[in-house]
């Protein structure tokens, strides 16, 4: 084996900068596959071996689990994080949260989680798992658990979003509502999956799909699930030639914004427009909001179980846990005489 081979030698032979060689050898994501392959080939050709102390440092065990989430202000994420923290408190691992201010900033936070602090594992919340992200996650060689999203190559915990959209829409239909609107949170999962359930329920009831009743505001695109987005989007729906007589919002906070818009315009809920949200955050029961309940804390706890299992069995088969949502009927969609009901998917 050649003696004294350095990253300077690799950089000169591969015709790249020393910084690029360093990124490749440290498995940094911001390197093209072609460059990565060329640098690794040269390193192998020259017989490069990292310094023993550097290897020891790189392999040092860490007890930090990193969670990457979009929009820390989303109540759903807060509740799931509580479940994560509760279960991690029983283990030797601590939780480190990387939160982005916008959807566009998620990759920056993901890079930090993968390449700073040597995390023992990474938990990703509610983001599209693109091929680029798949490759970056694989290169990290860390246990990866997906929350509120899914990919065939990684363990995941989610809720059946399509069933949730179906239950909400079927509930409206059973009450005689026919112009059923939808307040979307984004064009991607899980909102898109909830829309599929909405469309399926309409189709099974032989009701036409009116695209003008499906709305998504600019605010939603930029900042995700927010009360202001629900308010703005509901305002837009009320300006249509024929207003909806029911609205399914893809989150409770959006539903609250929609209700504010309805109140300001003088519409009664549920008399004029019935409303159903999604999540069942704490405030929902106090305002009488009908909603799809997902077990947020339990999802966090199960995600930790998947992580710990993956540490023990790194080559084991991929596991997906999918919870079924429950429709909690309260006053915003016309509660039954006892004021509360829990509806499950029909078999």
C-alpha atoms as a PDB file:
ATOM      1  CA  UNK A   1       0.000   0.000   0.000  1.00  0.00           C
ATOM      2  CA  UNK A   2       1.364   3.413  -0.888  1.00  0.00           C
ATOM      3  CA  UNK A   3       2.547   5.402   2.108  1.00  0.00           C
ATOM      4  CA  UNK A   4       1.557   8.963   2.880  1.00  0.00           C
ATOM      5  CA  UNK A   5      -1.313   9.309   0.407  1.00  0.00           C
ATOM      6  CA  UNK A   6      -3.332  12.417   1.313  1.00  0.00           C
ATOM      7  CA  UNK A   7      -6.479  14.096   0.110  1.00  0.00           C
ATOM      8  CA  UNK A   8      -4.209  16.501  -1.743  1.00  0.00           C
ATOM      9  CA  UNK A   9      -2.982  13.594  -3.861  1.00  0.00           C
ATOM     10  CA  UNK A  10      -6.548  12.453  -4.516  1.00  0.00           C
ATOM     11  CA  UNK A  11      -7.639  15.987  -5.442  1.00  0.00           C
ATOM     12  CA  UNK A  12      -4.763  16.381  -7.925  1.00  0.00           C
ATOM     13  CA  UNK A  13      -5.391  13.007  -9.604  1.00  0.00           C
ATOM     14  CA  UNK A  14      -9.182  13.429  -9.714  1.00  0.00           C
ATOM     15  CA  UNK A  15      -8.894  17.067 -10.866  1.00  0.00           C
ATOM     16  CA  UNK A  16     -11.177  18.392  -8.136  1.00  0.00           C
ATOM     17  CA  UNK A  17     -10.732  20.667  -5.149  1.00  0.00           C
ATOM     18  CA  UNK A  18      -9.584  19.466  -1.738  1.00  0.00           C
ATOM     19  CA  UNK A  19     -12.963  20.551  -0.366  1.00  0.00           C
ATOM     20  CA  UNK A  20     -14.702  18.255  -2.854  1.00  0.00           C
ATOM     21  CA  UNK A  21     -12.550  15.305  -1.804  1.00  0.00           C
ATOM     22  CA  UNK A  22     -13.350  16.056   1.831  1.00  0.00           C
ATOM     23  CA  UNK A  23     -17.073  16.125   1.095  1.00  0.00           C
ATOM     24  CA  UNK A  24     -16.906  12.820  -0.749  1.00  0.00           C
ATOM     25  CA  UNK A  25     -14.906  11.069   1.969  1.00  0.00           C
ATOM     26  CA  UNK A  26     -17.289  12.416   4.612  1.00  0.00           C
ATOM     27  CA  UNK A  27     -20.306  11.288   2.563  1.00  0.00           C
ATOM     28  CA  UNK A  28     -21.681  14.806   2.117  1.00  0.00           C
ATOM     29  CA  UNK A  29     -24.819  15.060   0.007  1.00  0.00           C
ATOM     30  CA  UNK A  30     -23.793  18.101  -2.042  1.00  0.00           C
ATOM     31  CA  UNK A  31     -21.655  16.162  -4.529  1.00  0.00           C
ATOM     32  CA  UNK A  32     -22.748  14.797  -7.908  1.00  0.00           C
ATOM     33  CA  UNK A  33     -22.734  11.038  -8.348  1.00  0.00           C
ATOM     34  CA  UNK A  34     -20.206  11.303 -11.200  1.00  0.00           C
ATOM     35  CA  UNK A  35     -17.764  13.295  -9.069  1.00  0.00           C
ATOM     36  CA  UNK A  36     -18.287  10.998  -6.104  1.00  0.00           C
ATOM     37  CA  UNK A  37     -17.533   7.943  -8.245  1.00  0.00           C
ATOM     38  CA  UNK A  38     -14.387   9.527  -9.731  1.00  0.00           C
ATOM     39  CA  UNK A  39     -12.992  10.557  -6.339  1.00  0.00           C
ATOM     40  CA  UNK A  40     -13.697   7.164  -4.769  1.00  0.00           C
ATOM     41  CA  UNK A  41     -12.072   5.389  -7.731  1.00  0.00           C
ATOM     42  CA  UNK A  42      -8.916   7.497  -7.364  1.00  0.00           C
ATOM     43  CA  UNK A  43      -8.859   6.947  -3.595  1.00  0.00           C
ATOM     44  CA  UNK A  44      -9.023   3.193  -4.142  1.00  0.00           C
ATOM     45  CA  UNK A  45      -6.396   3.327  -6.894  1.00  0.00           C
ATOM     46  CA  UNK A  46      -3.985   5.241  -4.634  1.00  0.00           C
ATOM     47  CA  UNK A  47      -4.724   3.005  -1.662  1.00  0.00           C
ATOM     48  CA  UNK A  48      -5.861   5.903   0.502  1.00  0.00           C
ATOM     49  CA  UNK A  49      -6.622   5.109   4.153  1.00  0.00           C
ATOM     50  CA  UNK A  50      -7.942   7.722   6.613  1.00  0.00           C
ATOM     51  CA  UNK A  51      -5.934   8.429   9.748  1.00  0.00           C
ATOM     52  CA  UNK A  52      -6.664   5.975  12.545  1.00  0.00           C
ATOM     53  CA  UNK A  53      -7.773   8.701  14.968  1.00  0.00           C
ATOM     54  CA  UNK A  54     -10.084  10.162  12.341  1.00  0.00           C
ATOM     55  CA  UNK A  55     -11.690   6.750  11.822  1.00  0.00           C
ATOM     56  CA  UNK A  56     -12.186   6.417  15.559  1.00  0.00           C
ATOM     57  CA  UNK A  57     -13.860   9.808  15.747  1.00  0.00           C
ATOM     58  CA  UNK A  58     -16.152   9.047  12.829  1.00  0.00           C
ATOM     59  CA  UNK A  59     -17.256   5.782  14.409  1.00  0.00           C
ATOM     60  CA  UNK A  60     -17.790   7.190  17.883  1.00  0.00           C
ATOM     61  CA  UNK A  61     -21.218   6.181  19.132  1.00  0.00           C
ATOM     62  CA  UNK A  62     -23.743   8.972  19.501  1.00  0.00           C
ATOM     63  CA  UNK A  63     -26.923   9.001  21.518  1.00  0.00           C
ATOM     64  CA  UNK A  64     -28.795  11.664  19.553  1.00  0.00           C
ATOM     65  CA  UNK A  65     -31.748  11.036  17.259  1.00  0.00           C
ATOM     66  CA  UNK A  66     -32.447  13.842  14.790  1.00  0.00           C
ATOM     67  CA  UNK A  67     -35.974  14.791  13.744  1.00  0.00           C
ATOM     68  CA  UNK A  68     -36.390  16.901  10.600  1.00  0.00           C
ATOM     69  CA  UNK A  69     -39.735  18.686  10.411  1.00  0.00           C
ATOM     70  CA  UNK A  70     -41.289  21.412   8.278  1.00  0.00           C
ATOM     71  CA  UNK A  71     -42.966  24.228  10.200  1.00  0.00           C
ATOM     72  CA  UNK A  72     -42.501  23.827  13.950  1.00  0.00           C
ATOM     73  CA  UNK A  73     -45.744  25.724  14.542  1.00  0.00           C
ATOM     74  CA  UNK A  74     -47.880  22.885  13.185  1.00  0.00           C
ATOM     75  CA  UNK A  75     -49.793  21.306  16.085  1.00  0.00           C
ATOM     76  CA  UNK A  76     -49.574  17.857  14.495  1.00  0.00           C
ATOM     77  CA  UNK A  77     -45.786  17.918  14.606  1.00  0.00           C
ATOM     78  CA  UNK A  78     -45.776  19.147  18.189  1.00  0.00           C
ATOM     79  CA  UNK A  79     -47.939  16.246  19.345  1.00  0.00           C
ATOM     80  CA  UNK A  80     -45.911  13.647  17.470  1.00  0.00           C
ATOM     81  CA  UNK A  81     -42.714  15.115  18.931  1.00  0.00           C
ATOM     82  CA  UNK A  82     -44.192  14.674  22.397  1.00  0.00           C
ATOM     83  CA  UNK A  83     -44.684  11.011  21.654  1.00  0.00           C
ATOM     84  CA  UNK A  84     -41.121  10.739  20.402  1.00  0.00           C
ATOM     85  CA  UNK A  85     -39.747  12.418  23.505  1.00  0.00           C
ATOM     86  CA  UNK A  86     -41.841  10.288  25.861  1.00  0.00           C
ATOM     87  CA  UNK A  87     -40.579   7.055  24.357  1.00  0.00           C
ATOM     88  CA  UNK A  88     -36.967   8.237  23.970  1.00  0.00           C
ATOM     89  CA  UNK A  89     -36.962   9.202  27.653  1.00  0.00           C
ATOM     90  CA  UNK A  90     -37.127   5.474  28.348  1.00  0.00           C
ATOM     91  CA  UNK A  91     -33.979   4.866  26.309  1.00  0.00           C
ATOM     92  CA  UNK A  92     -30.410   6.162  26.211  1.00  0.00           C
ATOM     93  CA  UNK A  93     -31.169   8.492  23.297  1.00  0.00           C
ATOM     94  CA  UNK A  94     -31.907  12.218  23.211  1.00  0.00           C
ATOM     95  CA  UNK A  95     -33.955  14.079  20.609  1.00  0.00           C
ATOM     96  CA  UNK A  96     -32.555  16.880  18.446  1.00  0.00           C
ATOM     97  CA  UNK A  97     -35.066  18.761  16.277  1.00  0.00           C
ATOM     98  CA  UNK A  98     -34.240  20.462  12.969  1.00  0.00           C
ATOM     99  CA  UNK A  99     -37.208  22.621  11.959  1.00  0.00           C
ATOM    100  CA  UNK A 100     -37.517  24.615   8.738  1.00  0.00           C
ATOM    101  CA  UNK A 101     -39.357  27.901   8.331  1.00  0.00           C
ATOM    102  CA  UNK A 102     -40.598  27.028   4.851  1.00  0.00           C
ATOM    103  CA  UNK A 103     -41.070  23.902   2.776  1.00  0.00           C
ATOM    104  CA  UNK A 104     -38.162  25.019   0.592  1.00  0.00           C
ATOM    105  CA  UNK A 105     -35.805  24.990   3.591  1.00  0.00           C
ATOM    106  CA  UNK A 106     -36.356  21.326   4.445  1.00  0.00           C
ATOM    107  CA  UNK A 107     -33.312  20.082   2.526  1.00  0.00           C
ATOM    108  CA  UNK A 108     -31.024  22.467   4.366  1.00  0.00           C
ATOM    109  CA  UNK A 109     -32.224  21.065   7.666  1.00  0.00           C
ATOM    110  CA  UNK A 110     -31.918  17.516   6.352  1.00  0.00           C
ATOM    111  CA  UNK A 111     -28.289  18.185   5.443  1.00  0.00           C
ATOM    112  CA  UNK A 112     -27.625  19.448   8.960  1.00  0.00           C
ATOM    113  CA  UNK A 113     -29.183  16.347  10.480  1.00  0.00           C
ATOM    114  CA  UNK A 114     -27.195  14.000   8.260  1.00  0.00           C
ATOM    115  CA  UNK A 115     -23.821  15.702   8.477  1.00  0.00           C
ATOM    116  CA  UNK A 116     -23.589  17.487  11.811  1.00  0.00           C
ATOM    117  CA  UNK A 117     -23.230  15.812  15.173  1.00  0.00           C
ATOM    118  CA  UNK A 118     -23.172  12.271  13.825  1.00  0.00           C
ATOM    119  CA  UNK A 119     -26.789  11.384  14.606  1.00  0.00           C
ATOM    120  CA  UNK A 120     -27.594   7.814  15.557  1.00  0.00           C
ATOM    121  CA  UNK A 121     -30.662   7.999  13.326  1.00  0.00           C
ATOM    122  CA  UNK A 122     -32.933  10.383  11.448  1.00  0.00           C
ATOM    123  CA  UNK A 123     -36.708  10.805  11.614  1.00  0.00           C
ATOM    124  CA  UNK A 124     -38.279  12.628   8.654  1.00  0.00           C
ATOM    125  CA  UNK A 125     -41.703  14.240   8.904  1.00  0.00           C
ATOM    126  CA  UNK A 126     -44.273  14.831   6.154  1.00  0.00           C
ATOM    127  CA  UNK A 127     -42.034  15.352   3.145  1.00  0.00           C
ATOM    128  CA  UNK A 128     -41.960  13.908  -0.365  1.00  0.00           C
ATOM    129  CA  UNK A 129     -39.272  11.225  -0.503  1.00  0.00           C
ATOM    130  CA  UNK A 130     -37.724  12.070  -3.849  1.00  0.00           C
ATOM    131  CA  UNK A 131     -35.034   9.948  -5.490  1.00  0.00           C
ATOM    132  CA  UNK A 132     -32.427  12.556  -4.554  1.00  0.00           C
ATOM    133  CA  UNK A 133     -33.420  12.321  -0.893  1.00  0.00           C
ATOM    134  CA  UNK A 134     -33.433   8.520  -1.073  1.00  0.00           C
ATOM    135  CA  UNK A 135     -29.828   8.482  -2.260  1.00  0.00           C
ATOM    136  CA  UNK A 136     -28.722  10.999   0.368  1.00  0.00           C
ATOM    137  CA  UNK A 137     -30.366   8.961   3.116  1.00  0.00           C
ATOM    138  CA  UNK A 138     -28.777   5.748   1.883  1.00  0.00           C
ATOM    139  CA  UNK A 139     -25.333   7.328   1.784  1.00  0.00           C
ATOM    140  CA  UNK A 140     -25.700   8.390   5.397  1.00  0.00           C
ATOM    141  CA  UNK A 141     -25.952   4.706   6.431  1.00  0.00           C
ATOM    142  CA  UNK A 142     -28.128   5.833   9.328  1.00  0.00           C
ATOM    143  CA  UNK A 143     -31.396   4.269  10.455  1.00  0.00           C
ATOM    144  CA  UNK A 144     -34.154   6.325   8.800  1.00  0.00           C
ATOM    145  CA  UNK A 145     -37.759   6.411   9.968  1.00  0.00           C
ATOM    146  CA  UNK A 146     -40.443   8.253   7.993  1.00  0.00           C
ATOM    147  CA  UNK A 147     -43.363   9.904   9.780  1.00  0.00           C
ATOM    148  CA  UNK A 148     -46.532  10.908   7.944  1.00  0.00           C
ATOM    149  CA  UNK A 149     -44.952   9.835   4.654  1.00  0.00           C
ATOM    150  CA  UNK A 150     -43.877   6.546   3.124  1.00  0.00           C
ATOM    151  CA  UNK A 151     -41.249   4.952   0.892  1.00  0.00           C
ATOM    152  CA  UNK A 152     -40.664   1.277   0.167  1.00  0.00           C
ATOM    153  CA  UNK A 153     -37.024   1.346   1.317  1.00  0.00           C
ATOM    154  CA  UNK A 154     -37.486   2.917   4.764  1.00  0.00           C
ATOM    155  CA  UNK A 155     -39.451   2.078   7.902  1.00  0.00           C
ATOM    156  CA  UNK A 156     -42.449   4.362   8.299  1.00  0.00           C
ATOM    157  CA  UNK A 157     -45.348   5.384  10.527  1.00  0.00           C
ATOM    158  CA  UNK A 158     -48.394   7.046   9.006  1.00  0.00           C
ATOM    159  CA  UNK A 159     -52.163   7.263   9.031  1.00  0.00           C
ATOM    160  CA  UNK A 160     -54.489   6.126   6.247  1.00  0.00           C
ATOM    161  CA  UNK A 161     -55.024   9.611   4.839  1.00  0.00           C
ATOM    162  CA  UNK A 162     -57.161   8.462   1.937  1.00  0.00           C
ATOM    163  CA  UNK A 163     -59.550   6.743   4.317  1.00  0.00           C
ATOM    164  CA  UNK A 164     -59.728   9.947   6.359  1.00  0.00           C
ATOM    165  CA  UNK A 165     -60.767  11.985   3.343  1.00  0.00           C
ATOM    166  CA  UNK A 166     -63.307   9.325   2.431  1.00  0.00           C
ATOM    167  CA  UNK A 167     -64.850   9.261   5.917  1.00  0.00           C
ATOM    168  CA  UNK A 168     -65.179  13.049   6.108  1.00  0.00           C
ATOM    169  CA  UNK A 169     -66.834  13.291   2.691  1.00  0.00           C
ATOM    170  CA  UNK A 170     -69.123  10.324   3.245  1.00  0.00           C
ATOM    171  CA  UNK A 171     -70.227  11.912   6.521  1.00  0.00           C
ATOM    172  CA  UNK A 172     -71.290  15.059   4.645  1.00  0.00           C
ATOM    173  CA  UNK A 173     -73.063  13.010   1.980  1.00  0.00           C
ATOM    174  CA  UNK A 174     -74.959  11.001   4.598  1.00  0.00           C
ATOM    175  CA  UNK A 175     -76.222  14.305   6.005  1.00  0.00           C
ATOM    176  CA  UNK A 176     -77.564  15.367   2.616  1.00  0.00           C
ATOM    177  CA  UNK A 177     -74.781  17.788   1.698  1.00  0.00           C
ATOM    178  CA  UNK A 178     -74.122  17.913  -2.034  1.00  0.00           C
ATOM    179  CA  UNK A 179     -71.778  20.850  -2.721  1.00  0.00           C
ATOM    180  CA  UNK A 180     -68.812  19.630  -0.719  1.00  0.00           C
ATOM    181  CA  UNK A 181     -65.712  21.798  -0.836  1.00  0.00           C
ATOM    182  CA  UNK A 182     -62.156  21.012   0.174  1.00  0.00           C
ATOM    183  CA  UNK A 183     -59.457  23.254   1.642  1.00  0.00           C
ATOM    184  CA  UNK A 184     -56.131  21.773   0.534  1.00  0.00           C
ATOM    185  CA  UNK A 185     -52.869  22.194   2.428  1.00  0.00           C
ATOM    186  CA  UNK A 186     -50.493  21.344  -0.421  1.00  0.00           C
ATOM    187  CA  UNK A 187     -50.216  19.453  -3.684  1.00  0.00           C
ATOM    188  CA  UNK A 188     -48.271  16.634  -2.061  1.00  0.00           C
ATOM    189  CA  UNK A 189     -48.880  13.928   0.500  1.00  0.00           C
ATOM    190  CA  UNK A 190     -50.633  13.719   2.894  1.00  0.00           C
ATOM    191  CA  UNK A 191     -53.070  16.357   1.568  1.00  0.00           C
ATOM    192  CA  UNK A 192     -53.162  14.723  -1.866  1.00  0.00           C
ATOM    193  CA  UNK A 193     -54.006  11.359  -0.316  1.00  0.00           C
ATOM    194  CA  UNK A 194     -56.863  12.981   1.626  1.00  0.00           C
ATOM    195  CA  UNK A 195     -58.122  14.435  -1.629  1.00  0.00           C
ATOM    196  CA  UNK A 196     -58.159  10.958  -3.176  1.00  0.00           C
ATOM    197  CA  UNK A 197     -60.469   9.816  -0.382  1.00  0.00           C
ATOM    198  CA  UNK A 198     -62.672  12.870  -0.935  1.00  0.00           C
ATOM    199  CA  UNK A 199     -62.932  12.071  -4.638  1.00  0.00           C
ATOM    200  CA  UNK A 200     -63.590   8.382  -3.987  1.00  0.00           C
ATOM    201  CA  UNK A 201     -66.515   9.158  -1.682  1.00  0.00           C
ATOM    202  CA  UNK A 202     -68.011  11.499  -4.264  1.00  0.00           C
ATOM    203  CA  UNK A 203     -67.591   8.859  -6.949  1.00  0.00           C
ATOM    204  CA  UNK A 204     -69.224   6.114  -4.906  1.00  0.00           C
ATOM    205  CA  UNK A 205     -72.172   8.435  -4.220  1.00  0.00           C
ATOM    206  CA  UNK A 206     -72.384   9.295  -7.963  1.00  0.00           C
ATOM    207  CA  UNK A 207     -71.829  12.963  -7.206  1.00  0.00           C
ATOM    208  CA  UNK A 208     -69.887  15.067  -9.756  1.00  0.00           C
ATOM    209  CA  UNK A 209     -66.396  16.285  -8.922  1.00  0.00           C
ATOM    210  CA  UNK A 210     -66.457  20.090  -9.073  1.00  0.00           C
ATOM    211  CA  UNK A 211     -62.863  21.321  -9.277  1.00  0.00           C
ATOM    212  CA  UNK A 212     -64.007  24.847  -8.400  1.00  0.00           C
ATOM    213  CA  UNK A 213     -64.823  23.584  -4.903  1.00  0.00           C
ATOM    214  CA  UNK A 214     -61.231  22.448  -4.247  1.00  0.00           C
ATOM    215  CA  UNK A 215     -59.066  25.381  -3.177  1.00  0.00           C
ATOM    216  CA  UNK A 216     -55.495  25.991  -2.106  1.00  0.00           C
ATOM    217  CA  UNK A 217     -54.149  29.461  -1.347  1.00  0.00           C
ATOM    218  CA  UNK A 218     -50.719  30.982  -1.924  1.00  0.00           C
ATOM    219  CA  UNK A 219     -50.308  31.072   1.851  1.00  0.00           C
ATOM    220  CA  UNK A 220     -50.739  27.308   1.928  1.00  0.00           C
ATOM    221  CA  UNK A 221     -48.066  26.788  -0.713  1.00  0.00           C
ATOM    222  CA  UNK A 222     -45.531  28.905   1.172  1.00  0.00           C
ATOM    223  CA  UNK A 223     -46.154  28.017   4.785  1.00  0.00           C
ATOM    224  CA  UNK A 224     -48.100  24.771   4.930  1.00  0.00           C
ATOM    225  CA  UNK A 225     -50.928  24.054   7.328  1.00  0.00           C
ATOM    226  CA  UNK A 226     -51.916  27.384   8.901  1.00  0.00           C
ATOM    227  CA  UNK A 227     -55.017  29.069  10.256  1.00  0.00           C
ATOM    228  CA  UNK A 228     -54.481  32.035   7.939  1.00  0.00           C
ATOM    229  CA  UNK A 229     -54.332  29.714   4.943  1.00  0.00           C
ATOM    230  CA  UNK A 230     -57.681  28.197   5.914  1.00  0.00           C
ATOM    231  CA  UNK A 231     -59.162  31.660   6.304  1.00  0.00           C
ATOM    232  CA  UNK A 232     -57.894  32.907   2.937  1.00  0.00           C
ATOM    233  CA  UNK A 233     -58.940  29.774   1.092  1.00  0.00           C
ATOM    234  CA  UNK A 234     -62.429  29.812   2.595  1.00  0.00           C
ATOM    235  CA  UNK A 235     -62.815  33.421   1.528  1.00  0.00           C
ATOM    236  CA  UNK A 236     -62.030  32.312  -1.999  1.00  0.00           C
ATOM    237  CA  UNK A 237     -64.590  29.505  -1.909  1.00  0.00           C
ATOM    238  CA  UNK A 238     -67.283  31.888  -0.705  1.00  0.00           C
ATOM    239  CA  UNK A 239     -66.721  34.082  -3.756  1.00  0.00           C
ATOM    240  CA  UNK A 240     -67.655  31.256  -6.146  1.00  0.00           C
ATOM    241  CA  UNK A 241     -71.006  31.611  -7.960  1.00  0.00           C
ATOM    242  CA  UNK A 242     -72.387  28.780  -5.825  1.00  0.00           C
ATOM    243  CA  UNK A 243     -70.873  28.440  -2.369  1.00  0.00           C
ATOM    244  CA  UNK A 244     -70.255  25.017  -0.811  1.00  0.00           C
ATOM    245  CA  UNK A 245     -72.653  23.651   1.791  1.00  0.00           C
ATOM    246  CA  UNK A 246     -69.846  21.667   3.455  1.00  0.00           C
ATOM    247  CA  UNK A 247     -66.055  21.969   3.646  1.00  0.00           C
ATOM    248  CA  UNK A 248     -63.431  19.356   4.428  1.00  0.00           C
ATOM    249  CA  UNK A 249     -60.148  20.957   5.549  1.00  0.00           C
ATOM    250  CA  UNK A 250     -56.938  18.939   5.476  1.00  0.00           C
ATOM    251  CA  UNK A 251     -55.996  20.076   8.990  1.00  0.00           C
ATOM    252  CA  UNK A 252     -57.765  21.350  12.081  1.00  0.00           C
ATOM    253  CA  UNK A 253     -55.909  24.668  12.071  1.00  0.00           C
ATOM    254  CA  UNK A 254     -57.098  25.321   8.514  1.00  0.00           C
ATOM    255  CA  UNK A 255     -60.615  24.369   9.557  1.00  0.00           C
ATOM    256  CA  UNK A 256     -60.445  26.960  12.335  1.00  0.00           C
ATOM    257  CA  UNK A 257     -59.432  29.603   9.794  1.00  0.00           C
ATOM    258  CA  UNK A 258     -62.274  28.546   7.507  1.00  0.00           C
ATOM    259  CA  UNK A 259     -64.749  28.894  10.377  1.00  0.00           C
ATOM    260  CA  UNK A 260     -63.472  32.400  11.108  1.00  0.00           C
ATOM    261  CA  UNK A 261     -64.075  33.387   7.494  1.00  0.00           C
ATOM    262  CA  UNK A 262     -67.593  31.938   7.582  1.00  0.00           C
ATOM    263  CA  UNK A 263     -68.427  33.783  10.785  1.00  0.00           C
ATOM    264  CA  UNK A 264     -67.204  37.108   9.399  1.00  0.00           C
ATOM    265  CA  UNK A 265     -69.382  36.665   6.323  1.00  0.00           C
ATOM    266  CA  UNK A 266     -72.432  35.873   8.429  1.00  0.00           C
ATOM    267  CA  UNK A 267     -72.741  32.173   7.622  1.00  0.00           C
ATOM    268  CA  UNK A 268     -73.816  29.714  10.282  1.00  0.00           C
ATOM    269  CA  UNK A 269     -71.858  26.529  11.019  1.00  0.00           C
ATOM    270  CA  UNK A 270     -73.193  23.922  10.431  1.00  0.00           C
ATOM    271  CA  UNK A 271     -76.532  25.385   9.330  1.00  0.00           C
ATOM    272  CA  UNK A 272     -75.216  27.055   6.180  1.00  0.00           C
ATOM    273  CA  UNK A 273     -71.849  25.316   5.845  1.00  0.00           C
ATOM    274  CA  UNK A 274     -70.716  22.209   7.732  1.00  0.00           C
ATOM    275  CA  UNK A 275     -66.984  21.879   8.516  1.00  0.00           C
ATOM    276  CA  UNK A 276     -64.723  18.900   9.220  1.00  0.00           C
ATOM    277  CA  UNK A 277     -60.975  19.107   9.909  1.00  0.00           C
ATOM    278  CA  UNK A 278     -58.177  16.589  10.288  1.00  0.00           C
ATOM    279  CA  UNK A 279     -55.911  15.781  13.300  1.00  0.00           C
ATOM    280  CA  UNK A 280     -58.073  16.332  16.420  1.00  0.00           C
ATOM    281  CA  UNK A 281     -55.715  18.771  18.109  1.00  0.00           C
ATOM    282  CA  UNK A 282     -56.529  19.749  21.690  1.00  0.00           C
ATOM    283  CA  UNK A 283     -58.449  22.937  20.862  1.00  0.00           C
ATOM    284  CA  UNK A 284     -60.812  21.123  18.485  1.00  0.00           C
ATOM    285  CA  UNK A 285     -62.988  19.633  21.192  1.00  0.00           C
ATOM    286  CA  UNK A 286     -63.404  23.026  22.874  1.00  0.00           C
ATOM    287  CA  UNK A 287     -64.711  24.689  19.723  1.00  0.00           C
ATOM    288  CA  UNK A 288     -66.862  21.711  18.738  1.00  0.00           C
ATOM    289  CA  UNK A 289     -64.897  20.962  15.561  1.00  0.00           C
ATOM    290  CA  UNK A 290     -65.685  17.686  13.827  1.00  0.00           C
ATOM    291  CA  UNK A 291     -62.452  16.101  12.717  1.00  0.00           C
ATOM    292  CA  UNK A 292     -60.504  13.015  11.698  1.00  0.00           C
ATOM    293  CA  UNK A 293     -58.549  11.877  14.726  1.00  0.00           C
ATOM    294  CA  UNK A 294     -55.085  10.455  14.189  1.00  0.00           C
ATOM    295  CA  UNK A 295     -53.098   9.063  17.149  1.00  0.00           C
ATOM    296  CA  UNK A 296     -50.344  11.651  17.008  1.00  0.00           C
ATOM    297  CA  UNK A 297     -48.476  10.799  20.198  1.00  0.00           C
ATOM    298  CA  UNK A 298     -48.730   7.088  19.515  1.00  0.00           C
ATOM    299  CA  UNK A 299     -47.271   7.659  16.057  1.00  0.00           C
ATOM    300  CA  UNK A 300     -44.227   9.235  17.693  1.00  0.00           C
ATOM    301  CA  UNK A 301     -43.858   6.364  20.139  1.00  0.00           C
ATOM    302  CA  UNK A 302     -44.069   3.730  17.392  1.00  0.00           C
ATOM    303  CA  UNK A 303     -41.507   5.639  15.319  1.00  0.00           C
ATOM    304  CA  UNK A 304     -39.025   5.309  18.192  1.00  0.00           C
ATOM    305  CA  UNK A 305     -39.778   1.584  18.412  1.00  0.00           C
ATOM    306  CA  UNK A 306     -38.993   1.244  14.706  1.00  0.00           C
ATOM    307  CA  UNK A 307     -35.740   3.148  15.215  1.00  0.00           C
ATOM    308  CA  UNK A 308     -34.569   1.002  18.118  1.00  0.00           C
ATOM    309  CA  UNK A 309     -35.468  -2.159  16.242  1.00  0.00           C
ATOM    310  CA  UNK A 310     -33.570  -0.969  13.167  1.00  0.00           C
ATOM    311  CA  UNK A 311     -30.471  -0.407  15.309  1.00  0.00           C
ATOM    312  CA  UNK A 312     -30.604  -4.000  16.488  1.00  0.00           C
ATOM    313  CA  UNK A 313     -31.498  -5.452  13.085  1.00  0.00           C
ATOM    314  CA  UNK A 314     -29.972  -3.188  10.417  1.00  0.00           C
ATOM    315  CA  UNK A 315     -30.541  -5.758   7.662  1.00  0.00           C
ATOM    316  CA  UNK A 316     -34.098  -6.658   8.667  1.00  0.00           C
ATOM    317  CA  UNK A 317     -37.126  -6.238   6.422  1.00  0.00           C
ATOM    318  CA  UNK A 318     -38.707  -2.794   6.110  1.00  0.00           C
ATOM    319  CA  UNK A 319     -41.701  -2.209   8.387  1.00  0.00           C
ATOM    320  CA  UNK A 320     -44.664   0.102   7.761  1.00  0.00           C
ATOM    321  CA  UNK A 321     -47.198   0.970  10.469  1.00  0.00           C
ATOM    322  CA  UNK A 322     -50.418   2.550   9.160  1.00  0.00           C
ATOM    323  CA  UNK A 323     -53.017   3.754  11.658  1.00  0.00           C
ATOM    324  CA  UNK A 324     -56.713   4.070  10.814  1.00  0.00           C
ATOM    325  CA  UNK A 325     -58.257   7.507  11.472  1.00  0.00           C
ATOM    326  CA  UNK A 326     -61.513   7.932  13.382  1.00  0.00           C
ATOM    327  CA  UNK A 327     -64.166  10.477  12.454  1.00  0.00           C
ATOM    328  CA  UNK A 328     -65.102  12.449  15.552  1.00  0.00           C
ATOM    329  CA  UNK A 329     -68.453  14.138  14.961  1.00  0.00           C
ATOM    330  CA  UNK A 330     -69.047  17.343  16.890  1.00  0.00           C
ATOM    331  CA  UNK A 331     -71.205  20.422  16.368  1.00  0.00           C
ATOM    332  CA  UNK A 332     -69.536  21.887  13.266  1.00  0.00           C
ATOM    333  CA  UNK A 333     -70.954  19.132  11.105  1.00  0.00           C
ATOM    334  CA  UNK A 334     -74.173  18.444  12.970  1.00  0.00           C
ATOM    335  CA  UNK A 335     -73.669  16.221  15.975  1.00  0.00           C
ATOM    336  CA  UNK A 336     -76.124  13.442  16.883  1.00  0.00           C
ATOM    337  CA  UNK A 337     -78.378  13.898  19.962  1.00  0.00           C
ATOM    338  CA  UNK A 338     -75.639  12.953  22.437  1.00  0.00           C
ATOM    339  CA  UNK A 339     -73.324  15.518  20.882  1.00  0.00           C
ATOM    340  CA  UNK A 340     -70.516  13.136  19.961  1.00  0.00           C
ATOM    341  CA  UNK A 341     -69.933  10.083  17.819  1.00  0.00           C
ATOM    342  CA  UNK A 342     -66.939   8.131  16.587  1.00  0.00           C
ATOM    343  CA  UNK A 343     -67.295   6.612  13.135  1.00  0.00           C
ATOM    344  CA  UNK A 344     -64.947   3.959  11.824  1.00  0.00           C
ATOM    345  CA  UNK A 345     -64.419   2.838   8.210  1.00  0.00           C
ATOM    346  CA  UNK A 346     -67.100   0.494   6.990  1.00  0.00           C
ATOM    347  CA  UNK A 347     -65.961  -3.036   6.314  1.00  0.00           C
END
